[in-house]
Amino acid sequence: MPDGQDLRLPATAAPPPLAAAWHGIARRAAVLVLLGLAWEGYGRWIANDLVFPTLSDTLAAFWRLTLSGELAARAAVSLQVLGLGYGAGLLLAALLVVFAVASRFGSELLSTLTAMFNPLPAIALLPLALLWFGLGTPSLVFVIGHSVLWAVALNAHSGVQAIPPTLRRVGENLGLRGWQLTLRILAPAALPAIIAGLRIGWAFAWRTLIAAELVFGTTSRSGGLGWFIYERRNNLEIADVFAGLLAVIAIGLVVEGVIFRALEARTVRRWGLQR
């Protein structure tokens, strides 16, 4: 073997970020196409629109409802209530996490409350919400806030606890104390867990809202997508029911695939905290 000969294998060049993103989009699109073909095939096979309409009938109903503006109006109502409940849950979660980080008693309090209320389905509190707040938005905000609060608080607190002590000492050696240490060291280090909590909280809040609106639909003539689905099911307009479900799924895909992915790309991925 000649002296000085380098036997190391050449490093494989990583694909450009744009190409990797397009590959991911292509894979997701392929999955959606396969699901759509299975949906259409099964609908045509059973040939019963009152049980399972085809994808083409559902898309036609979705397009008709979109052009009429009814689906957008219902979605706007749901998203408005969701924003109120999600914001309330995030605010309470932030207060609990700050208290838990600041004191051992706060940490024990958060752990105890999370163990008690996190397994409790938010929709199970709907009868109490109706009793306390009556019919309307406050009851929905209450159950949505409950579904968001514990998931976000638990993930954020776990993320802060997982921060290495060395990282804390580095910030303290730089003269950071209190809020400066929290904002410049602790919060960025715990951000992957915080974003995971926000994502889980969003999923819990969205499905809780739709389920609660289905219950409110039996007693109220106003509501969002959940009430729309309930109403059309009573009218045996099953294609419209599936169009409402498709709208629920589409909103979930947009929030998950656009908003949260953009948030991760601009923060944890950009900072090298997540691959």
C-alpha atoms as a PDB file:
ATOM      1  CA  MET A   1       0.000   0.000   0.000  1.00  0.00           C
ATOM      2  CA  PRO A   2       1.579   3.335  -1.015  1.00  0.00           C
ATOM      3  CA  ASP A   3       2.292   5.728   1.798  1.00  0.00           C
ATOM      4  CA  GLY A   4      -0.127   8.587   2.111  1.00  0.00           C
ATOM      5  CA  GLN A   5      -2.888   6.864   0.183  1.00  0.00           C
ATOM      6  CA  ASP A   6      -6.322   7.843   1.503  1.00  0.00           C
ATOM      7  CA  LEU A   7      -8.604   4.814   1.634  1.00  0.00           C
ATOM      8  CA  ARG A   8     -11.621   6.671   2.991  1.00  0.00           C
ATOM      9  CA  LEU A   9     -14.791   6.434   0.937  1.00  0.00           C
ATOM     10  CA  PRO A  10     -15.980   9.682  -0.597  1.00  0.00           C
ATOM     11  CA  ALA A  11     -18.777  11.332   1.314  1.00  0.00           C
ATOM     12  CA  THR A  12     -22.170  11.050  -0.286  1.00  0.00           C
ATOM     13  CA  ALA A  13     -23.546  14.449  -1.105  1.00  0.00           C
ATOM     14  CA  ALA A  14     -26.810  15.218   0.635  1.00  0.00           C
ATOM     15  CA  PRO A  15     -29.703  16.058  -1.674  1.00  0.00           C
ATOM     16  CA  PRO A  16     -30.515  19.769  -1.924  1.00  0.00           C
ATOM     17  CA  PRO A  17     -33.211  20.896   0.516  1.00  0.00           C
ATOM     18  CA  LEU A  18     -35.571  21.863  -2.306  1.00  0.00           C
ATOM     19  CA  ALA A  19     -35.204  18.472  -3.986  1.00  0.00           C
ATOM     20  CA  ALA A  20     -35.778  16.672  -0.683  1.00  0.00           C
ATOM     21  CA  ALA A  21     -38.898  18.752  -0.087  1.00  0.00           C
ATOM     22  CA  TRP A  22     -40.271  17.917  -3.538  1.00  0.00           C
ATOM     23  CA  HIS A  23     -39.541  14.218  -2.965  1.00  0.00           C
ATOM     24  CA  GLY A  24     -41.523  14.357   0.262  1.00  0.00           C
ATOM     25  CA  ILE A  25     -44.418  16.094  -1.482  1.00  0.00           C
ATOM     26  CA  ALA A  26     -44.369  13.486  -4.256  1.00  0.00           C
ATOM     27  CA  ARG A  27     -44.500  10.627  -1.747  1.00  0.00           C
ATOM     28  CA  ARG A  28     -47.415  12.211   0.109  1.00  0.00           C
ATOM     29  CA  ALA A  29     -49.234  12.832  -3.170  1.00  0.00           C
ATOM     30  CA  ALA A  30     -48.749   9.181  -4.138  1.00  0.00           C
ATOM     31  CA  VAL A  31     -50.270   8.077  -0.824  1.00  0.00           C
ATOM     32  CA  LEU A  32     -53.258  10.386  -1.358  1.00  0.00           C
ATOM     33  CA  VAL A  33     -53.767   9.061  -4.908  1.00  0.00           C
ATOM     34  CA  LEU A  34     -53.737   5.452  -3.687  1.00  0.00           C
ATOM     35  CA  LEU A  35     -56.235   6.271  -0.939  1.00  0.00           C
ATOM     36  CA  GLY A  36     -58.439   8.081  -3.450  1.00  0.00           C
ATOM     37  CA  LEU A  37     -58.415   5.125  -5.833  1.00  0.00           C
ATOM     38  CA  ALA A  38     -59.311   2.761  -2.990  1.00  0.00           C
ATOM     39  CA  TRP A  39     -62.133   5.083  -1.927  1.00  0.00           C
ATOM     40  CA  GLU A  40     -63.542   5.337  -5.433  1.00  0.00           C
ATOM     41  CA  GLY A  41     -63.253   1.608  -6.041  1.00  0.00           C
ATOM     42  CA  TYR A  42     -64.952   0.641  -2.791  1.00  0.00           C
ATOM     43  CA  GLY A  43     -67.754   3.153  -3.328  1.00  0.00           C
ATOM     44  CA  ARG A  44     -68.459   1.792  -6.785  1.00  0.00           C
ATOM     45  CA  TRP A  45     -68.269  -1.789  -5.533  1.00  0.00           C
ATOM     46  CA  ILE A  46     -70.941  -1.393  -2.798  1.00  0.00           C
ATOM     47  CA  ALA A  47     -73.005   0.927  -5.061  1.00  0.00           C
ATOM     48  CA  ASN A  48     -74.956   2.499  -2.183  1.00  0.00           C
ATOM     49  CA  ASP A  49     -74.703   6.282  -1.865  1.00  0.00           C
ATOM     50  CA  LEU A  50     -76.574   6.247   1.442  1.00  0.00           C
ATOM     51  CA  VAL A  51     -73.813   4.156   3.012  1.00  0.00           C
ATOM     52  CA  PHE A  52     -70.586   5.120   1.263  1.00  0.00           C
ATOM     53  CA  PRO A  53     -70.572   7.597  -1.638  1.00  0.00           C
ATOM     54  CA  THR A  54     -67.792   7.474  -4.175  1.00  0.00           C
ATOM     55  CA  LEU A  55     -64.908   9.914  -4.137  1.00  0.00           C
ATOM     56  CA  SER A  56     -66.169  11.543  -7.327  1.00  0.00           C
ATOM     57  CA  ASP A  57     -69.599  12.201  -5.756  1.00  0.00           C
ATOM     58  CA  THR A  58     -67.935  13.548  -2.613  1.00  0.00           C
ATOM     59  CA  LEU A  59     -65.677  15.865  -4.614  1.00  0.00           C
ATOM     60  CA  ALA A  60     -68.662  17.087  -6.623  1.00  0.00           C
ATOM     61  CA  ALA A  61     -70.528  17.876  -3.381  1.00  0.00           C
ATOM     62  CA  PHE A  62     -67.404  19.513  -1.951  1.00  0.00           C
ATOM     63  CA  TRP A  63     -67.040  21.710  -5.040  1.00  0.00           C
ATOM     64  CA  ARG A  64     -70.721  22.674  -4.989  1.00  0.00           C
ATOM     65  CA  LEU A  65     -70.614  23.584  -1.296  1.00  0.00           C
ATOM     66  CA  THR A  66     -67.390  25.524  -1.793  1.00  0.00           C
ATOM     67  CA  LEU A  67     -68.857  27.570  -4.637  1.00  0.00           C
ATOM     68  CA  SER A  68     -71.978  28.323  -2.599  1.00  0.00           C
ATOM     69  CA  GLY A  69     -69.798  29.537   0.275  1.00  0.00           C
ATOM     70  CA  GLU A  70     -71.574  27.398   2.864  1.00  0.00           C
ATOM     71  CA  LEU A  71     -68.620  25.147   3.575  1.00  0.00           C
ATOM     72  CA  ALA A  72     -66.262  28.112   3.974  1.00  0.00           C
ATOM     73  CA  ALA A  73     -68.700  29.849   6.323  1.00  0.00           C
ATOM     74  CA  ARG A  74     -69.043  26.743   8.480  1.00  0.00           C
ATOM     75  CA  ALA A  75     -65.275  26.266   8.565  1.00  0.00           C
ATOM     76  CA  ALA A  76     -64.789  29.917   9.553  1.00  0.00           C
ATOM     77  CA  VAL A  77     -67.141  29.473  12.525  1.00  0.00           C
ATOM     78  CA  SER A  78     -65.262  26.371  13.669  1.00  0.00           C
ATOM     79  CA  LEU A  79     -61.843  27.972  13.260  1.00  0.00           C
ATOM     80  CA  GLN A  80     -62.922  31.079  15.179  1.00  0.00           C
ATOM     81  CA  VAL A  81     -64.049  29.011  18.165  1.00  0.00           C
ATOM     82  CA  LEU A  82     -60.945  26.842  17.847  1.00  0.00           C
ATOM     83  CA  GLY A  83     -58.715  29.902  18.000  1.00  0.00           C
ATOM     84  CA  LEU A  84     -60.345  31.090  21.217  1.00  0.00           C
ATOM     85  CA  GLY A  85     -60.086  27.701  22.909  1.00  0.00           C
ATOM     86  CA  TYR A  86     -56.567  27.017  21.648  1.00  0.00           C
ATOM     87  CA  GLY A  87     -55.364  30.428  22.791  1.00  0.00           C
ATOM     88  CA  ALA A  88     -56.924  29.980  26.238  1.00  0.00           C
ATOM     89  CA  GLY A  89     -55.302  26.567  26.601  1.00  0.00           C
ATOM     90  CA  LEU A  90     -51.886  27.887  25.553  1.00  0.00           C
ATOM     91  CA  LEU A  91     -52.095  30.786  28.007  1.00  0.00           C
ATOM     92  CA  LEU A  92     -52.945  28.526  30.941  1.00  0.00           C
ATOM     93  CA  ALA A  93     -50.258  26.029  29.895  1.00  0.00           C
ATOM     94  CA  ALA A  94     -47.628  28.791  29.755  1.00  0.00           C
ATOM     95  CA  LEU A  95     -48.544  29.984  33.261  1.00  0.00           C
ATOM     96  CA  LEU A  96     -48.382  26.459  34.686  1.00  0.00           C
ATOM     97  CA  VAL A  97     -45.054  25.691  33.012  1.00  0.00           C
ATOM     98  CA  VAL A  98     -43.475  28.941  34.225  1.00  0.00           C
ATOM     99  CA  PHE A  99     -44.647  28.161  37.766  1.00  0.00           C
ATOM    100  CA  ALA A 100     -43.353  24.581  37.462  1.00  0.00           C
ATOM    101  CA  VAL A 101     -39.936  25.733  36.247  1.00  0.00           C
ATOM    102  CA  ALA A 102     -39.675  28.388  38.950  1.00  0.00           C
ATOM    103  CA  SER A 103     -40.368  26.134  41.956  1.00  0.00           C
ATOM    104  CA  ARG A 104     -40.378  22.506  42.988  1.00  0.00           C
ATOM    105  CA  PHE A 105     -43.905  22.875  44.340  1.00  0.00           C
ATOM    106  CA  GLY A 106     -45.032  24.131  40.938  1.00  0.00           C
ATOM    107  CA  SER A 107     -43.409  21.118  39.276  1.00  0.00           C
ATOM    108  CA  GLU A 108     -45.196  18.730  41.633  1.00  0.00           C
ATOM    109  CA  LEU A 109     -48.459  20.615  41.119  1.00  0.00           C
ATOM    110  CA  LEU A 110     -48.201  20.369  37.334  1.00  0.00           C
ATOM    111  CA  SER A 111     -47.285  16.675  37.482  1.00  0.00           C
ATOM    112  CA  THR A 112     -50.250  15.930  39.744  1.00  0.00           C
ATOM    113  CA  LEU A 113     -52.747  17.933  37.709  1.00  0.00           C
ATOM    114  CA  THR A 114     -51.502  16.405  34.460  1.00  0.00           C
ATOM    115  CA  ALA A 115     -51.811  12.883  35.858  1.00  0.00           C
ATOM    116  CA  MET A 116     -55.366  13.673  36.975  1.00  0.00           C
ATOM    117  CA  PHE A 117     -56.798  15.542  34.012  1.00  0.00           C
ATOM    118  CA  ASN A 118     -54.746  14.567  30.964  1.00  0.00           C
ATOM    119  CA  PRO A 119     -56.400  11.100  30.664  1.00  0.00           C
ATOM    120  CA  LEU A 120     -59.845  12.697  31.037  1.00  0.00           C
ATOM    121  CA  PRO A 121     -61.442  13.148  27.586  1.00  0.00           C
ATOM    122  CA  ALA A 122     -62.420  16.748  27.007  1.00  0.00           C
ATOM    123  CA  ILE A 123     -65.753  15.740  25.518  1.00  0.00           C
ATOM    124  CA  ALA A 124     -66.627  14.075  28.853  1.00  0.00           C
ATOM    125  CA  LEU A 125     -66.649  17.558  30.410  1.00  0.00           C
ATOM    126  CA  LEU A 126     -69.228  18.830  27.947  1.00  0.00           C
ATOM    127  CA  PRO A 127     -72.233  18.150  30.244  1.00  0.00           C
ATOM    128  CA  LEU A 128     -70.553  20.200  32.982  1.00  0.00           C
ATOM    129  CA  ALA A 129     -69.696  22.918  30.490  1.00  0.00           C
ATOM    130  CA  LEU A 130     -73.338  23.088  29.413  1.00  0.00           C
ATOM    131  CA  LEU A 131     -74.379  23.335  33.061  1.00  0.00           C
ATOM    132  CA  TRP A 132     -71.857  26.043  33.942  1.00  0.00           C
ATOM    133  CA  PHE A 133     -71.770  28.142  30.761  1.00  0.00           C
ATOM    134  CA  GLY A 134     -74.926  27.192  28.887  1.00  0.00           C
ATOM    135  CA  LEU A 135     -75.234  26.678  25.153  1.00  0.00           C
ATOM    136  CA  GLY A 136     -72.818  28.630  23.041  1.00  0.00           C
ATOM    137  CA  THR A 137     -69.183  29.485  22.500  1.00  0.00           C
ATOM    138  CA  PRO A 138     -68.026  29.579  26.172  1.00  0.00           C
ATOM    139  CA  SER A 139     -68.799  25.881  26.624  1.00  0.00           C
ATOM    140  CA  LEU A 140     -66.862  25.009  23.473  1.00  0.00           C
ATOM    141  CA  VAL A 141     -63.920  27.172  24.555  1.00  0.00           C
ATOM    142  CA  PHE A 142     -63.895  25.392  27.918  1.00  0.00           C
ATOM    143  CA  VAL A 143     -63.662  21.861  26.496  1.00  0.00           C
ATOM    144  CA  ILE A 144     -61.149  22.902  23.820  1.00  0.00           C
ATOM    145  CA  GLY A 145     -58.972  24.648  26.406  1.00  0.00           C
ATOM    146  CA  HIS A 146     -58.981  21.494  28.516  1.00  0.00           C
ATOM    147  CA  SER A 147     -57.903  19.362  25.570  1.00  0.00           C
ATOM    148  CA  VAL A 148     -55.020  21.734  24.750  1.00  0.00           C
ATOM    149  CA  LEU A 149     -53.812  22.640  28.226  1.00  0.00           C
ATOM    150  CA  TRP A 150     -52.429  19.354  29.507  1.00  0.00           C
ATOM    151  CA  ALA A 151     -50.780  18.150  26.299  1.00  0.00           C
ATOM    152  CA  VAL A 152     -48.927  21.430  25.779  1.00  0.00           C
ATOM    153  CA  ALA A 153     -47.975  21.856  29.446  1.00  0.00           C
ATOM    154  CA  LEU A 154     -46.717  18.281  29.755  1.00  0.00           C
ATOM    155  CA  ASN A 155     -44.546  18.448  26.640  1.00  0.00           C
ATOM    156  CA  ALA A 156     -43.155  21.897  27.451  1.00  0.00           C
ATOM    157  CA  HIS A 157     -42.289  20.921  31.012  1.00  0.00           C
ATOM    158  CA  SER A 158     -40.674  17.670  29.853  1.00  0.00           C
ATOM    159  CA  GLY A 159     -38.636  19.628  27.313  1.00  0.00           C
ATOM    160  CA  VAL A 160     -37.364  22.030  29.973  1.00  0.00           C
ATOM    161  CA  GLN A 161     -36.487  19.164  32.318  1.00  0.00           C
ATOM    162  CA  ALA A 162     -34.532  17.435  29.544  1.00  0.00           C
ATOM    163  CA  ILE A 163     -32.197  20.416  29.059  1.00  0.00           C
ATOM    164  CA  PRO A 164     -28.651  19.379  30.066  1.00  0.00           C
ATOM    165  CA  PRO A 165     -27.382  21.094  33.234  1.00  0.00           C
ATOM    166  CA  THR A 166     -24.244  22.049  31.324  1.00  0.00           C
ATOM    167  CA  LEU A 167     -26.304  24.242  29.019  1.00  0.00           C
ATOM    168  CA  ARG A 168     -27.816  26.030  31.986  1.00  0.00           C
ATOM    169  CA  ARG A 169     -24.380  26.635  33.472  1.00  0.00           C
ATOM    170  CA  VAL A 170     -23.134  28.049  30.177  1.00  0.00           C
ATOM    171  CA  GLY A 171     -25.926  30.621  30.226  1.00  0.00           C
ATOM    172  CA  GLU A 172     -25.235  31.463  33.853  1.00  0.00           C
ATOM    173  CA  ASN A 173     -21.519  31.872  33.129  1.00  0.00           C
ATOM    174  CA  LEU A 174     -22.477  34.337  30.405  1.00  0.00           C
ATOM    175  CA  GLY A 175     -24.295  36.392  33.009  1.00  0.00           C
ATOM    176  CA  LEU A 176     -27.812  35.348  32.040  1.00  0.00           C
ATOM    177  CA  ARG A 177     -30.348  35.201  34.841  1.00  0.00           C
ATOM    178  CA  GLY A 178     -34.104  34.941  35.161  1.00  0.00           C
ATOM    179  CA  TRP A 179     -36.029  35.862  32.038  1.00  0.00           C
ATOM    180  CA  GLN A 180     -32.870  36.311  29.963  1.00  0.00           C
ATOM    181  CA  LEU A 181     -31.771  32.758  30.773  1.00  0.00           C
ATOM    182  CA  THR A 182     -35.256  31.466  29.969  1.00  0.00           C
ATOM    183  CA  LEU A 183     -35.659  33.307  26.669  1.00  0.00           C
ATOM    184  CA  ARG A 184     -32.117  32.840  25.327  1.00  0.00           C
ATOM    185  CA  ILE A 185     -31.197  29.378  26.607  1.00  0.00           C
ATOM    186  CA  LEU A 186     -34.063  27.358  28.063  1.00  0.00           C
ATOM    187  CA  ALA A 187     -36.840  28.205  25.596  1.00  0.00           C
ATOM    188  CA  PRO A 188     -34.792  27.520  22.407  1.00  0.00           C
ATOM    189  CA  ALA A 189     -33.418  24.285  23.878  1.00  0.00           C
ATOM    190  CA  ALA A 190     -36.906  23.072  24.811  1.00  0.00           C
ATOM    191  CA  LEU A 191     -38.492  24.284  21.568  1.00  0.00           C
ATOM    192  CA  PRO A 192     -38.674  20.841  19.861  1.00  0.00           C
ATOM    193  CA  ALA A 193     -40.744  19.508  22.766  1.00  0.00           C
ATOM    194  CA  ILE A 194     -42.827  22.692  22.849  1.00  0.00           C
ATOM    195  CA  ILE A 195     -43.650  22.431  19.148  1.00  0.00           C
ATOM    196  CA  ALA A 196     -44.521  18.756  19.612  1.00  0.00           C
ATOM    197  CA  GLY A 197     -46.902  19.781  22.386  1.00  0.00           C
ATOM    198  CA  LEU A 198     -48.445  22.480  20.195  1.00  0.00           C
ATOM    199  CA  ARG A 199     -48.998  19.919  17.448  1.00  0.00           C
ATOM    200  CA  ILE A 200     -50.585  17.377  19.789  1.00  0.00           C
ATOM    201  CA  GLY A 201     -52.702  20.101  21.386  1.00  0.00           C
ATOM    202  CA  TRP A 202     -53.919  21.244  17.968  1.00  0.00           C
ATOM    203  CA  ALA A 203     -54.984  17.708  17.026  1.00  0.00           C
ATOM    204  CA  PHE A 204     -56.807  17.243  20.345  1.00  0.00           C
ATOM    205  CA  ALA A 205     -58.510  20.637  20.034  1.00  0.00           C
ATOM    206  CA  TRP A 206     -59.662  20.088  16.444  1.00  0.00           C
ATOM    207  CA  ARG A 207     -61.260  16.703  17.042  1.00  0.00           C
ATOM    208  CA  THR A 208     -62.758  17.861  20.351  1.00  0.00           C
ATOM    209  CA  LEU A 209     -64.347  20.847  18.615  1.00  0.00           C
ATOM    210  CA  ILE A 210     -65.921  18.746  15.857  1.00  0.00           C
ATOM    211  CA  ALA A 211     -67.263  16.229  18.385  1.00  0.00           C
ATOM    212  CA  ALA A 212     -68.654  18.999  20.609  1.00  0.00           C
ATOM    213  CA  GLU A 213     -70.322  20.693  17.654  1.00  0.00           C
ATOM    214  CA  LEU A 214     -72.025  17.411  16.816  1.00  0.00           C
ATOM    215  CA  VAL A 215     -73.516  17.402  20.327  1.00  0.00           C
ATOM    216  CA  PHE A 216     -74.497  21.064  20.103  1.00  0.00           C
ATOM    217  CA  GLY A 217     -76.153  20.293  16.795  1.00  0.00           C
ATOM    218  CA  THR A 218     -78.945  18.456  18.576  1.00  0.00           C
ATOM    219  CA  THR A 219     -79.924  21.577  20.526  1.00  0.00           C
ATOM    220  CA  SER A 220     -78.805  24.550  18.477  1.00  0.00           C
ATOM    221  CA  ARG A 221     -79.310  25.818  14.949  1.00  0.00           C
ATOM    222  CA  SER A 222     -75.885  27.396  14.748  1.00  0.00           C
ATOM    223  CA  GLY A 223     -72.464  25.867  14.534  1.00  0.00           C
ATOM    224  CA  GLY A 224     -69.520  25.010  12.361  1.00  0.00           C
ATOM    225  CA  LEU A 225     -68.449  21.945  10.457  1.00  0.00           C
ATOM    226  CA  GLY A 226     -69.607  19.546  13.161  1.00  0.00           C
ATOM    227  CA  TRP A 227     -73.154  20.916  13.053  1.00  0.00           C
ATOM    228  CA  PHE A 228     -73.041  20.883   9.244  1.00  0.00           C
ATOM    229  CA  ILE A 229     -72.160  17.166   9.271  1.00  0.00           C
ATOM    230  CA  TYR A 230     -74.906  16.411  11.789  1.00  0.00           C
ATOM    231  CA  GLU A 231     -77.502  18.368   9.823  1.00  0.00           C
ATOM    232  CA  ARG A 232     -76.721  16.743   6.490  1.00  0.00           C
ATOM    233  CA  ARG A 233     -76.717  13.295   8.050  1.00  0.00           C
ATOM    234  CA  ASN A 234     -80.255  13.903   9.314  1.00  0.00           C
ATOM    235  CA  ASN A 235     -81.246  14.923   5.769  1.00  0.00           C
ATOM    236  CA  LEU A 236     -79.608  11.764   4.374  1.00  0.00           C
ATOM    237  CA  GLU A 237     -77.309  13.884   2.211  1.00  0.00           C
ATOM    238  CA  ILE A 238     -74.424  11.504   2.735  1.00  0.00           C
ATOM    239  CA  ALA A 239     -72.234  12.952  -0.016  1.00  0.00           C
ATOM    240  CA  ASP A 240     -72.426  16.297   1.789  1.00  0.00           C
ATOM    241  CA  VAL A 241     -71.531  14.545   5.049  1.00  0.00           C
ATOM    242  CA  PHE A 242     -68.408  13.138   3.434  1.00  0.00           C
ATOM    243  CA  ALA A 243     -67.660  16.557   1.947  1.00  0.00           C
ATOM    244  CA  GLY A 244     -67.770  17.998   5.478  1.00  0.00           C
ATOM    245  CA  LEU A 245     -65.444  15.264   6.699  1.00  0.00           C
ATOM    246  CA  LEU A 246     -63.161  15.987   3.759  1.00  0.00           C
ATOM    247  CA  ALA A 247     -63.064  19.650   4.814  1.00  0.00           C
ATOM    248  CA  VAL A 248     -62.098  18.610   8.349  1.00  0.00           C
ATOM    249  CA  ILE A 249     -59.286  16.461   6.957  1.00  0.00           C
ATOM    250  CA  ALA A 250     -58.138  19.177   4.545  1.00  0.00           C
ATOM    251  CA  ILE A 251     -57.870  21.765   7.319  1.00  0.00           C
ATOM    252  CA  GLY A 252     -55.906  19.289   9.411  1.00  0.00           C
ATOM    253  CA  LEU A 253     -53.507  18.610   6.540  1.00  0.00           C
ATOM    254  CA  VAL A 254     -52.963  22.332   5.928  1.00  0.00           C
ATOM    255  CA  VAL A 255     -52.239  23.075   9.580  1.00  0.00           C
ATOM    256  CA  GLU A 256     -49.979  20.054   9.967  1.00  0.00           C
ATOM    257  CA  GLY A 257     -48.227  20.161   6.616  1.00  0.00           C
ATOM    258  CA  VAL A 258     -47.905  23.914   6.137  1.00  0.00           C
ATOM    259  CA  ILE A 259     -48.067  25.826   9.415  1.00  0.00           C
ATOM    260  CA  PHE A 260     -46.238  23.452  11.745  1.00  0.00           C
ATOM    261  CA  ARG A 261     -43.708  22.385   9.121  1.00  0.00           C
ATOM    262  CA  ALA A 262     -42.932  26.022   8.350  1.00  0.00           C
ATOM    263  CA  LEU A 263     -42.551  26.709  12.076  1.00  0.00           C
ATOM    264  CA  GLU A 264     -40.142  23.794  12.431  1.00  0.00           C
ATOM    265  CA  ALA A 265     -38.192  24.797   9.325  1.00  0.00           C
ATOM    266  CA  ARG A 266     -37.687  28.351  10.600  1.00  0.00           C
ATOM    267  CA  THR A 267     -36.735  27.314  14.133  1.00  0.00           C
ATOM    268  CA  VAL A 268     -35.574  23.884  15.257  1.00  0.00           C
ATOM    269  CA  ARG A 269     -34.408  22.641  11.858  1.00  0.00           C
ATOM    270  CA  ARG A 270     -32.678  25.903  11.046  1.00  0.00           C
ATOM    271  CA  TRP A 271     -30.923  25.877  14.421  1.00  0.00           C
ATOM    272  CA  GLY A 272     -29.859  22.242  14.073  1.00  0.00           C
ATOM    273  CA  LEU A 273     -31.982  21.017  16.977  1.00  0.00           C
ATOM    274  CA  GLN A 274     -33.916  18.584  14.785  1.00  0.00           C
ATOM    275  CA  ARG A 275     -33.066  16.666  11.645  1.00  0.00           C
END
